[in-house]
Amino acid sequence: MDDRFRRLAALPGIRTWTEAHYDFAGDYITGFDPSDLPDRAAIRAELGYAAQDKVCIVTVGGSSAGVQLLRRVIDSFPAAQRAVPGLRMIVVAGPRIDPRLLPARDGVELYAYVHDLYRHLAVCDLAVVQGGLTTTMELVANNRPVLYFPLGHHFEQTFHVPHRLTRYRAGRRMDYATATPEIL
């Protein structure tokens, strides 16, 4: 028994061995390099946002699980617009939510799809998202403020994403059950 423990003790630590045998890509790989994007004002102008616009992008990803969140955020728009002059809310429903089924509000722009959504997220003043890793990490990479609503009982969104965002001191975790339109 002692001989086996001596051999185990002679093995390198896993971190030391891994660092000696592997290269690492960094904290997270996005589909773009944030440093390749031109300045924020140029992108905003190209996307049709005026300098004085306060742009809020709302998106819930590719599933239909976020339809209720979209409705709640849209319902919060009148109060938000009163509090934030110049607010523009761009709601991206995604491939499985028909934007025609969402409430129409003056000042809320509804889209089924937005090409190069990451560029809009890169220049927004606030993003409201479901809490998926890709979208939240794109916002972190661009240092954008975000309210995120993890899906209940979804391991990645309930544990992994909040852990990552806490590590980066990014985002504000919200609870769908208590986030009334007034709170939003």
C-alpha atoms as a PDB file:
ATOM      1  CA  MET A   1       0.000   0.000   0.000  1.00  0.00           C
ATOM      2  CA  ASP A   2       2.772   2.471   0.812  1.00  0.00           C
ATOM      3  CA  ASP A   3       4.389   1.992  -2.617  1.00  0.00           C
ATOM      4  CA  ARG A   4       1.171   2.938  -4.407  1.00  0.00           C
ATOM      5  CA  PHE A   5       0.849   6.142  -2.362  1.00  0.00           C
ATOM      6  CA  ARG A   6       4.467   7.065  -3.114  1.00  0.00           C
ATOM      7  CA  ARG A   7       3.824   6.676  -6.848  1.00  0.00           C
ATOM      8  CA  LEU A   8       0.626   8.766  -6.637  1.00  0.00           C
ATOM      9  CA  ALA A   9       2.427  11.470  -4.688  1.00  0.00           C
ATOM     10  CA  ALA A  10       5.086  11.646  -7.429  1.00  0.00           C
ATOM     11  CA  LEU A  11       2.511  12.430 -10.123  1.00  0.00           C
ATOM     12  CA  PRO A  12       2.224  16.092 -11.134  1.00  0.00           C
ATOM     13  CA  GLY A  13      -0.854  18.037 -10.063  1.00  0.00           C
ATOM     14  CA  ILE A  14      -3.614  18.054 -12.690  1.00  0.00           C
ATOM     15  CA  ARG A  15      -3.406  21.818 -13.177  1.00  0.00           C
ATOM     16  CA  THR A  16       0.376  21.716 -13.731  1.00  0.00           C
ATOM     17  CA  TRP A  17       0.095  18.780 -16.132  1.00  0.00           C
ATOM     18  CA  THR A  18      -2.817  20.344 -18.068  1.00  0.00           C
ATOM     19  CA  GLU A  19      -1.076  23.722 -18.437  1.00  0.00           C
ATOM     20  CA  ALA A  20       2.053  21.934 -19.713  1.00  0.00           C
ATOM     21  CA  HIS A  21       0.132  19.913 -22.327  1.00  0.00           C
ATOM     22  CA  TYR A  22      -2.670  22.201 -23.554  1.00  0.00           C
ATOM     23  CA  ASP A  23      -3.174  25.709 -24.911  1.00  0.00           C
ATOM     24  CA  PHE A  24      -6.235  27.646 -23.831  1.00  0.00           C
ATOM     25  CA  ALA A  25      -8.441  29.904 -25.915  1.00  0.00           C
ATOM     26  CA  GLY A  26      -9.284  32.249 -23.051  1.00  0.00           C
ATOM     27  CA  ASP A  27     -12.395  32.762 -20.973  1.00  0.00           C
ATOM     28  CA  TYR A  28     -14.988  32.558 -23.730  1.00  0.00           C
ATOM     29  CA  ILE A  29     -15.092  32.440 -27.501  1.00  0.00           C
ATOM     30  CA  THR A  30     -17.685  34.568 -29.254  1.00  0.00           C
ATOM     31  CA  GLY A  31     -18.487  34.553 -32.953  1.00  0.00           C
ATOM     32  CA  PHE A  32     -16.700  37.891 -33.277  1.00  0.00           C
ATOM     33  CA  ASP A  33     -13.771  39.793 -31.817  1.00  0.00           C
ATOM     34  CA  PRO A  34     -15.064  42.854 -29.934  1.00  0.00           C
ATOM     35  CA  SER A  35     -11.849  44.723 -30.775  1.00  0.00           C
ATOM     36  CA  ASP A  36     -12.649  44.322 -34.498  1.00  0.00           C
ATOM     37  CA  LEU A  37     -15.844  46.357 -34.171  1.00  0.00           C
ATOM     38  CA  PRO A  38     -15.475  50.011 -35.158  1.00  0.00           C
ATOM     39  CA  ASP A  39     -16.306  52.627 -32.584  1.00  0.00           C
ATOM     40  CA  ARG A  40     -19.685  52.445 -30.877  1.00  0.00           C
ATOM     41  CA  ALA A  41     -21.025  55.703 -32.378  1.00  0.00           C
ATOM     42  CA  ALA A  42     -20.282  54.507 -35.925  1.00  0.00           C
ATOM     43  CA  ILE A  43     -22.089  51.200 -35.406  1.00  0.00           C
ATOM     44  CA  ARG A  44     -25.072  52.936 -33.800  1.00  0.00           C
ATOM     45  CA  ALA A  45     -25.336  55.319 -36.755  1.00  0.00           C
ATOM     46  CA  GLU A  46     -25.033  52.444 -39.233  1.00  0.00           C
ATOM     47  CA  LEU A  47     -27.816  50.541 -37.428  1.00  0.00           C
ATOM     48  CA  GLY A  48     -30.100  53.588 -37.431  1.00  0.00           C
ATOM     49  CA  TYR A  49     -29.793  54.621 -33.789  1.00  0.00           C
ATOM     50  CA  ALA A  50     -29.523  58.349 -33.158  1.00  0.00           C
ATOM     51  CA  ALA A  51     -26.894  59.573 -30.733  1.00  0.00           C
ATOM     52  CA  GLN A  52     -29.550  60.612 -28.221  1.00  0.00           C
ATOM     53  CA  ASP A  53     -31.498  57.312 -28.435  1.00  0.00           C
ATOM     54  CA  LYS A  54     -31.431  55.103 -25.363  1.00  0.00           C
ATOM     55  CA  VAL A  55     -31.505  51.652 -26.983  1.00  0.00           C
ATOM     56  CA  CYS A  56     -32.908  48.674 -25.099  1.00  0.00           C
ATOM     57  CA  ILE A  57     -32.617  45.334 -26.923  1.00  0.00           C
ATOM     58  CA  VAL A  58     -34.921  42.585 -25.653  1.00  0.00           C
ATOM     59  CA  THR A  59     -34.308  39.045 -26.856  1.00  0.00           C
ATOM     60  CA  VAL A  60     -34.992  35.557 -25.543  1.00  0.00           C
ATOM     61  CA  GLY A  61     -33.092  33.322 -27.949  1.00  0.00           C
ATOM     62  CA  GLY A  62     -34.257  30.599 -30.259  1.00  0.00           C
ATOM     63  CA  SER A  63     -36.944  28.850 -28.235  1.00  0.00           C
ATOM     64  CA  SER A  64     -40.501  29.836 -27.445  1.00  0.00           C
ATOM     65  CA  ALA A  65     -39.854  29.588 -23.695  1.00  0.00           C
ATOM     66  CA  GLY A  66     -39.411  33.351 -23.411  1.00  0.00           C
ATOM     67  CA  VAL A  67     -42.735  34.514 -24.846  1.00  0.00           C
ATOM     68  CA  GLN A  68     -44.130  35.465 -21.422  1.00  0.00           C
ATOM     69  CA  LEU A  69     -40.966  37.412 -20.608  1.00  0.00           C
ATOM     70  CA  LEU A  70     -41.276  39.349 -23.870  1.00  0.00           C
ATOM     71  CA  ARG A  71     -44.892  40.208 -23.044  1.00  0.00           C
ATOM     72  CA  ARG A  72     -43.981  41.381 -19.565  1.00  0.00           C
ATOM     73  CA  VAL A  73     -41.100  43.542 -20.789  1.00  0.00           C
ATOM     74  CA  ILE A  74     -43.284  45.047 -23.530  1.00  0.00           C
ATOM     75  CA  ASP A  75     -45.922  45.834 -20.878  1.00  0.00           C
ATOM     76  CA  SER A  76     -43.266  47.699 -18.901  1.00  0.00           C
ATOM     77  CA  PHE A  77     -42.393  50.003 -21.809  1.00  0.00           C
ATOM     78  CA  PRO A  78     -44.794  52.916 -21.147  1.00  0.00           C
ATOM     79  CA  ALA A  79     -43.468  53.394 -17.609  1.00  0.00           C
ATOM     80  CA  ALA A  80     -39.869  52.909 -18.738  1.00  0.00           C
ATOM     81  CA  GLN A  81     -40.318  55.431 -21.539  1.00  0.00           C
ATOM     82  CA  ARG A  82     -41.666  57.995 -19.089  1.00  0.00           C
ATOM     83  CA  ALA A  83     -38.635  57.434 -16.854  1.00  0.00           C
ATOM     84  CA  VAL A  84     -36.076  57.395 -19.700  1.00  0.00           C
ATOM     85  CA  PRO A  85     -36.668  60.026 -22.394  1.00  0.00           C
ATOM     86  CA  GLY A  86     -35.540  58.865 -25.829  1.00  0.00           C
ATOM     87  CA  LEU A  87     -35.946  55.170 -24.969  1.00  0.00           C
ATOM     88  CA  ARG A  88     -36.188  52.807 -27.940  1.00  0.00           C
ATOM     89  CA  MET A  89     -37.153  49.229 -27.231  1.00  0.00           C
ATOM     90  CA  ILE A  90     -36.243  46.709 -29.916  1.00  0.00           C
ATOM     91  CA  VAL A  91     -37.818  43.307 -29.236  1.00  0.00           C
ATOM     92  CA  VAL A  92     -36.424  40.318 -31.136  1.00  0.00           C
ATOM     93  CA  ALA A  93     -38.891  37.460 -30.881  1.00  0.00           C
ATOM     94  CA  GLY A  94     -36.705  34.767 -32.411  1.00  0.00           C
ATOM     95  CA  PRO A  95     -37.551  31.912 -34.749  1.00  0.00           C
ATOM     96  CA  ARG A  96     -40.258  30.252 -32.650  1.00  0.00           C
ATOM     97  CA  ILE A  97     -42.254  33.273 -31.500  1.00  0.00           C
ATOM     98  CA  ASP A  98     -44.448  35.097 -33.991  1.00  0.00           C
ATOM     99  CA  PRO A  99     -44.063  38.817 -33.233  1.00  0.00           C
ATOM    100  CA  ARG A 100     -47.668  39.349 -34.364  1.00  0.00           C
ATOM    101  CA  LEU A 101     -48.752  37.449 -31.232  1.00  0.00           C
ATOM    102  CA  LEU A 102     -46.985  39.945 -28.960  1.00  0.00           C
ATOM    103  CA  PRO A 103     -48.732  43.081 -27.712  1.00  0.00           C
ATOM    104  CA  ALA A 104     -48.263  46.105 -29.956  1.00  0.00           C
ATOM    105  CA  ARG A 105     -47.227  49.243 -28.091  1.00  0.00           C
ATOM    106  CA  ASP A 106     -46.365  52.640 -29.489  1.00  0.00           C
ATOM    107  CA  GLY A 107     -42.584  52.954 -29.494  1.00  0.00           C
ATOM    108  CA  VAL A 108     -41.853  49.226 -29.252  1.00  0.00           C
ATOM    109  CA  GLU A 109     -40.240  47.789 -32.379  1.00  0.00           C
ATOM    110  CA  LEU A 110     -41.056  44.085 -32.868  1.00  0.00           C
ATOM    111  CA  TYR A 111     -38.946  41.836 -35.092  1.00  0.00           C
ATOM    112  CA  ALA A 112     -38.934  38.124 -35.748  1.00  0.00           C
ATOM    113  CA  TYR A 113     -35.247  38.260 -36.670  1.00  0.00           C
ATOM    114  CA  VAL A 114     -32.452  40.817 -36.644  1.00  0.00           C
ATOM    115  CA  HIS A 115     -29.407  40.136 -38.807  1.00  0.00           C
ATOM    116  CA  ASP A 116     -26.129  40.365 -36.865  1.00  0.00           C
ATOM    117  CA  LEU A 117     -27.930  40.774 -33.557  1.00  0.00           C
ATOM    118  CA  TYR A 118     -24.548  40.785 -31.819  1.00  0.00           C
ATOM    119  CA  ARG A 119     -23.841  44.209 -33.365  1.00  0.00           C
ATOM    120  CA  HIS A 120     -27.055  45.610 -31.903  1.00  0.00           C
ATOM    121  CA  LEU A 121     -26.201  44.092 -28.538  1.00  0.00           C
ATOM    122  CA  ALA A 122     -22.678  45.555 -28.783  1.00  0.00           C
ATOM    123  CA  VAL A 123     -24.028  49.120 -28.922  1.00  0.00           C
ATOM    124  CA  CYS A 124     -27.191  48.976 -26.838  1.00  0.00           C
ATOM    125  CA  ASP A 125     -27.630  50.957 -23.657  1.00  0.00           C
ATOM    126  CA  LEU A 126     -29.356  48.015 -21.979  1.00  0.00           C
ATOM    127  CA  ALA A 127     -30.184  44.444 -22.904  1.00  0.00           C
ATOM    128  CA  VAL A 128     -32.978  42.387 -21.383  1.00  0.00           C
ATOM    129  CA  VAL A 129     -32.400  38.701 -22.069  1.00  0.00           C
ATOM    130  CA  GLN A 130     -33.468  35.259 -20.986  1.00  0.00           C
ATOM    131  CA  GLY A 131     -30.106  34.258 -19.570  1.00  0.00           C
ATOM    132  CA  GLY A 132     -28.444  31.980 -22.103  1.00  0.00           C
ATOM    133  CA  LEU A 133     -24.654  31.791 -22.059  1.00  0.00           C
ATOM    134  CA  THR A 134     -23.916  32.982 -25.604  1.00  0.00           C
ATOM    135  CA  THR A 135     -26.005  36.146 -25.434  1.00  0.00           C
ATOM    136  CA  THR A 136     -24.904  37.089 -21.937  1.00  0.00           C
ATOM    137  CA  MET A 137     -21.229  36.522 -22.747  1.00  0.00           C
ATOM    138  CA  GLU A 138     -21.513  38.651 -25.905  1.00  0.00           C
ATOM    139  CA  LEU A 139     -22.837  41.431 -23.681  1.00  0.00           C
ATOM    140  CA  VAL A 140     -19.989  40.912 -21.198  1.00  0.00           C
ATOM    141  CA  ALA A 141     -17.440  40.995 -24.036  1.00  0.00           C
ATOM    142  CA  ASN A 142     -18.823  44.388 -25.069  1.00  0.00           C
ATOM    143  CA  ASN A 143     -19.199  45.680 -21.516  1.00  0.00           C
ATOM    144  CA  ARG A 144     -22.945  46.292 -21.946  1.00  0.00           C
ATOM    145  CA  PRO A 145     -25.432  46.400 -19.051  1.00  0.00           C
ATOM    146  CA  VAL A 146     -27.876  43.522 -18.946  1.00  0.00           C
ATOM    147  CA  LEU A 147     -30.900  42.334 -17.010  1.00  0.00           C
ATOM    148  CA  TYR A 148     -31.131  38.562 -17.313  1.00  0.00           C
ATOM    149  CA  PHE A 149     -33.917  36.174 -16.373  1.00  0.00           C
ATOM    150  CA  PRO A 150     -32.701  32.585 -15.981  1.00  0.00           C
ATOM    151  CA  LEU A 151     -35.269  29.949 -16.842  1.00  0.00           C
ATOM    152  CA  GLY A 152     -36.313  28.098 -13.699  1.00  0.00           C
ATOM    153  CA  HIS A 153     -35.019  24.517 -13.474  1.00  0.00           C
ATOM    154  CA  HIS A 154     -32.566  25.145 -16.338  1.00  0.00           C
ATOM    155  CA  PHE A 155     -29.141  24.172 -15.010  1.00  0.00           C
ATOM    156  CA  GLU A 156     -27.035  26.334 -17.326  1.00  0.00           C
ATOM    157  CA  GLN A 157     -29.163  29.448 -16.855  1.00  0.00           C
ATOM    158  CA  THR A 158     -29.786  28.943 -13.139  1.00  0.00           C
ATOM    159  CA  PHE A 159     -26.254  28.028 -12.039  1.00  0.00           C
ATOM    160  CA  HIS A 160     -23.569  28.232 -14.708  1.00  0.00           C
ATOM    161  CA  VAL A 161     -24.464  31.575 -16.343  1.00  0.00           C
ATOM    162  CA  PRO A 162     -24.981  33.452 -13.044  1.00  0.00           C
ATOM    163  CA  HIS A 163     -21.664  32.049 -11.791  1.00  0.00           C
ATOM    164  CA  ARG A 164     -19.881  33.344 -14.900  1.00  0.00           C
ATOM    165  CA  LEU A 165     -21.595  36.730 -14.769  1.00  0.00           C
ATOM    166  CA  THR A 166     -20.803  37.117 -11.069  1.00  0.00           C
ATOM    167  CA  ARG A 167     -17.172  36.354 -11.863  1.00  0.00           C
ATOM    168  CA  TYR A 168     -17.171  39.186 -14.408  1.00  0.00           C
ATOM    169  CA  ARG A 169     -19.205  41.485 -12.153  1.00  0.00           C
ATOM    170  CA  ALA A 170     -21.682  41.783 -15.008  1.00  0.00           C
ATOM    171  CA  GLY A 171     -25.418  41.779 -15.372  1.00  0.00           C
ATOM    172  CA  ARG A 172     -28.252  41.920 -12.939  1.00  0.00           C
ATOM    173  CA  ARG A 173     -30.059  38.688 -12.253  1.00  0.00           C
ATOM    174  CA  MET A 174     -33.806  39.094 -12.212  1.00  0.00           C
ATOM    175  CA  ASP A 175     -36.582  36.807 -11.034  1.00  0.00           C
ATOM    176  CA  TYR A 176     -39.427  36.454 -13.502  1.00  0.00           C
ATOM    177  CA  ALA A 177     -41.928  35.649 -10.722  1.00  0.00           C
ATOM    178  CA  THR A 178     -41.355  38.986  -8.987  1.00  0.00           C
ATOM    179  CA  ALA A 179     -40.488  41.210 -11.962  1.00  0.00           C
ATOM    180  CA  THR A 180     -43.751  42.973 -12.570  1.00  0.00           C
ATOM    181  CA  PRO A 181     -43.912  45.624 -15.301  1.00  0.00           C
ATOM    182  CA  GLU A 182     -43.632  48.250 -12.548  1.00  0.00           C
ATOM    183  CA  ILE A 183     -40.401  46.734 -11.214  1.00  0.00           C
ATOM    184  CA  LEU A 184     -38.986  46.410 -14.707  1.00  0.00           C
END
